[in-house]
């Protein structure tokens, strides 16, 4: 019988990973998404829970692009319009 090591996301127990570093990156992305969702909901209370969650995850997944845009490179946001691979 073979033994296979898998890692489970602590924030999304349904999600399994073969690599601990990948699981850690995913958890950190979800942590950032949650913080962003909270901030967005406070800024725009009319957004419903699903909308702020989707926005938070989108921004967290694209954190590098947003970081460049916030550092005086607004043209970086054009990358968000390009087709991308879904997780």
C-alpha atoms as a PDB file:
ATOM      1  CA  UNK A   1       0.000   0.000   0.000  1.00  0.00           C
ATOM      2  CA  UNK A   2       1.386   3.408  -0.984  1.00  0.00           C
ATOM      3  CA  UNK A   3       1.191   6.438   1.251  1.00  0.00           C
ATOM      4  CA  UNK A   4       0.417   9.810  -0.255  1.00  0.00           C
ATOM      5  CA  UNK A   5       0.921  13.022   1.670  1.00  0.00           C
ATOM      6  CA  UNK A   6      -1.636  15.728   1.008  1.00  0.00           C
ATOM      7  CA  UNK A   7      -2.137  19.110   2.611  1.00  0.00           C
ATOM      8  CA  UNK A   8      -5.511  20.586   3.415  1.00  0.00           C
ATOM      9  CA  UNK A   9      -6.222  24.293   3.378  1.00  0.00           C
ATOM     10  CA  UNK A  10      -7.052  25.453   6.887  1.00  0.00           C
ATOM     11  CA  UNK A  11      -9.427  28.110   5.496  1.00  0.00           C
ATOM     12  CA  UNK A  12     -11.009  25.873   2.829  1.00  0.00           C
ATOM     13  CA  UNK A  13     -11.002  22.269   4.127  1.00  0.00           C
ATOM     14  CA  UNK A  14     -12.406  20.939   0.850  1.00  0.00           C
ATOM     15  CA  UNK A  15      -9.261  22.054  -0.984  1.00  0.00           C
ATOM     16  CA  UNK A  16      -6.314  19.631  -0.986  1.00  0.00           C
ATOM     17  CA  UNK A  17      -2.739  20.275  -2.122  1.00  0.00           C
ATOM     18  CA  UNK A  18       0.221  18.040  -2.851  1.00  0.00           C
ATOM     19  CA  UNK A  19       2.662  20.751  -1.748  1.00  0.00           C
ATOM     20  CA  UNK A  20       2.717  22.450   1.669  1.00  0.00           C
ATOM     21  CA  UNK A  21       4.000  25.747   0.244  1.00  0.00           C
ATOM     22  CA  UNK A  22       1.122  25.833  -2.243  1.00  0.00           C
ATOM     23  CA  UNK A  23      -1.391  25.201   0.552  1.00  0.00           C
ATOM     24  CA  UNK A  24       0.187  27.998   2.603  1.00  0.00           C
ATOM     25  CA  UNK A  25       0.025  30.423  -0.355  1.00  0.00           C
ATOM     26  CA  UNK A  26      -3.640  29.566  -0.885  1.00  0.00           C
ATOM     27  CA  UNK A  27      -4.445  30.145   2.801  1.00  0.00           C
ATOM     28  CA  UNK A  28      -2.635  33.501   2.746  1.00  0.00           C
ATOM     29  CA  UNK A  29      -4.572  34.495  -0.382  1.00  0.00           C
ATOM     30  CA  UNK A  30      -7.848  33.628   1.359  1.00  0.00           C
ATOM     31  CA  UNK A  31      -6.768  35.571   4.454  1.00  0.00           C
ATOM     32  CA  UNK A  32      -6.062  38.633   2.306  1.00  0.00           C
ATOM     33  CA  UNK A  33      -9.373  38.149   0.475  1.00  0.00           C
ATOM     34  CA  UNK A  34     -11.232  38.147   3.789  1.00  0.00           C
ATOM     35  CA  UNK A  35      -9.521  41.359   4.925  1.00  0.00           C
ATOM     36  CA  UNK A  36     -10.239  43.007   1.573  1.00  0.00           C
ATOM     37  CA  UNK A  37     -13.866  41.890   1.726  1.00  0.00           C
ATOM     38  CA  UNK A  38     -14.265  43.455   5.169  1.00  0.00           C
ATOM     39  CA  UNK A  39     -12.730  46.735   3.986  1.00  0.00           C
ATOM     40  CA  UNK A  40     -14.864  46.791   0.830  1.00  0.00           C
ATOM     41  CA  UNK A  41     -18.047  46.110   2.785  1.00  0.00           C
ATOM     42  CA  UNK A  42     -17.272  48.985   5.165  1.00  0.00           C
ATOM     43  CA  UNK A  43     -16.557  51.295   2.213  1.00  0.00           C
ATOM     44  CA  UNK A  44     -19.630  50.238   0.215  1.00  0.00           C
ATOM     45  CA  UNK A  45     -22.255  48.816   2.604  1.00  0.00           C
ATOM     46  CA  UNK A  46     -24.777  48.377  -0.210  1.00  0.00           C
ATOM     47  CA  UNK A  47     -22.743  45.466  -1.623  1.00  0.00           C
ATOM     48  CA  UNK A  48     -24.087  42.108  -0.539  1.00  0.00           C
ATOM     49  CA  UNK A  49     -21.956  39.442   1.137  1.00  0.00           C
ATOM     50  CA  UNK A  50     -21.448  37.424  -2.059  1.00  0.00           C
ATOM     51  CA  UNK A  51     -20.318  40.495  -3.996  1.00  0.00           C
ATOM     52  CA  UNK A  52     -17.753  41.588  -1.411  1.00  0.00           C
ATOM     53  CA  UNK A  53     -16.460  38.019  -1.143  1.00  0.00           C
ATOM     54  CA  UNK A  54     -16.029  37.746  -4.929  1.00  0.00           C
ATOM     55  CA  UNK A  55     -14.335  41.151  -5.065  1.00  0.00           C
ATOM     56  CA  UNK A  56     -12.029  40.275  -2.192  1.00  0.00           C
ATOM     57  CA  UNK A  57     -10.973  37.000  -3.816  1.00  0.00           C
ATOM     58  CA  UNK A  58     -10.478  38.699  -7.193  1.00  0.00           C
ATOM     59  CA  UNK A  59      -8.294  41.400  -5.672  1.00  0.00           C
ATOM     60  CA  UNK A  60      -6.312  38.902  -3.579  1.00  0.00           C
ATOM     61  CA  UNK A  61      -5.664  36.662  -6.591  1.00  0.00           C
ATOM     62  CA  UNK A  62      -4.450  39.721  -8.499  1.00  0.00           C
ATOM     63  CA  UNK A  63      -2.607  41.355  -5.614  1.00  0.00           C
ATOM     64  CA  UNK A  64       0.623  41.895  -7.575  1.00  0.00           C
ATOM     65  CA  UNK A  65      -1.225  43.736 -10.341  1.00  0.00           C
ATOM     66  CA  UNK A  66      -3.092  45.929  -7.851  1.00  0.00           C
ATOM     67  CA  UNK A  67       0.139  46.613  -5.940  1.00  0.00           C
ATOM     68  CA  UNK A  68       1.817  47.880  -9.117  1.00  0.00           C
ATOM     69  CA  UNK A  69      -1.235  50.014  -9.936  1.00  0.00           C
ATOM     70  CA  UNK A  70      -1.169  51.550  -6.458  1.00  0.00           C
ATOM     71  CA  UNK A  71       2.537  52.342  -6.961  1.00  0.00           C
ATOM     72  CA  UNK A  72       1.860  54.788  -9.815  1.00  0.00           C
ATOM     73  CA  UNK A  73       1.529  52.178 -12.570  1.00  0.00           C
ATOM     74  CA  UNK A  74      -2.212  52.315 -13.316  1.00  0.00           C
ATOM     75  CA  UNK A  75      -1.567  50.747 -16.732  1.00  0.00           C
ATOM     76  CA  UNK A  76      -0.900  47.470 -14.885  1.00  0.00           C
ATOM     77  CA  UNK A  77      -4.675  47.121 -14.449  1.00  0.00           C
ATOM     78  CA  UNK A  78      -4.948  46.452 -18.195  1.00  0.00           C
ATOM     79  CA  UNK A  79      -3.560  42.986 -17.409  1.00  0.00           C
ATOM     80  CA  UNK A  80      -6.836  42.195 -15.645  1.00  0.00           C
ATOM     81  CA  UNK A  81      -8.668  42.425 -18.978  1.00  0.00           C
ATOM     82  CA  UNK A  82      -6.451  39.756 -20.548  1.00  0.00           C
ATOM     83  CA  UNK A  83      -7.772  36.162 -20.496  1.00  0.00           C
ATOM     84  CA  UNK A  84      -6.346  34.302 -17.500  1.00  0.00           C
ATOM     85  CA  UNK A  85      -6.335  30.741 -16.236  1.00  0.00           C
ATOM     86  CA  UNK A  86      -8.941  30.046 -13.560  1.00  0.00           C
ATOM     87  CA  UNK A  87      -8.010  28.260 -10.337  1.00  0.00           C
END
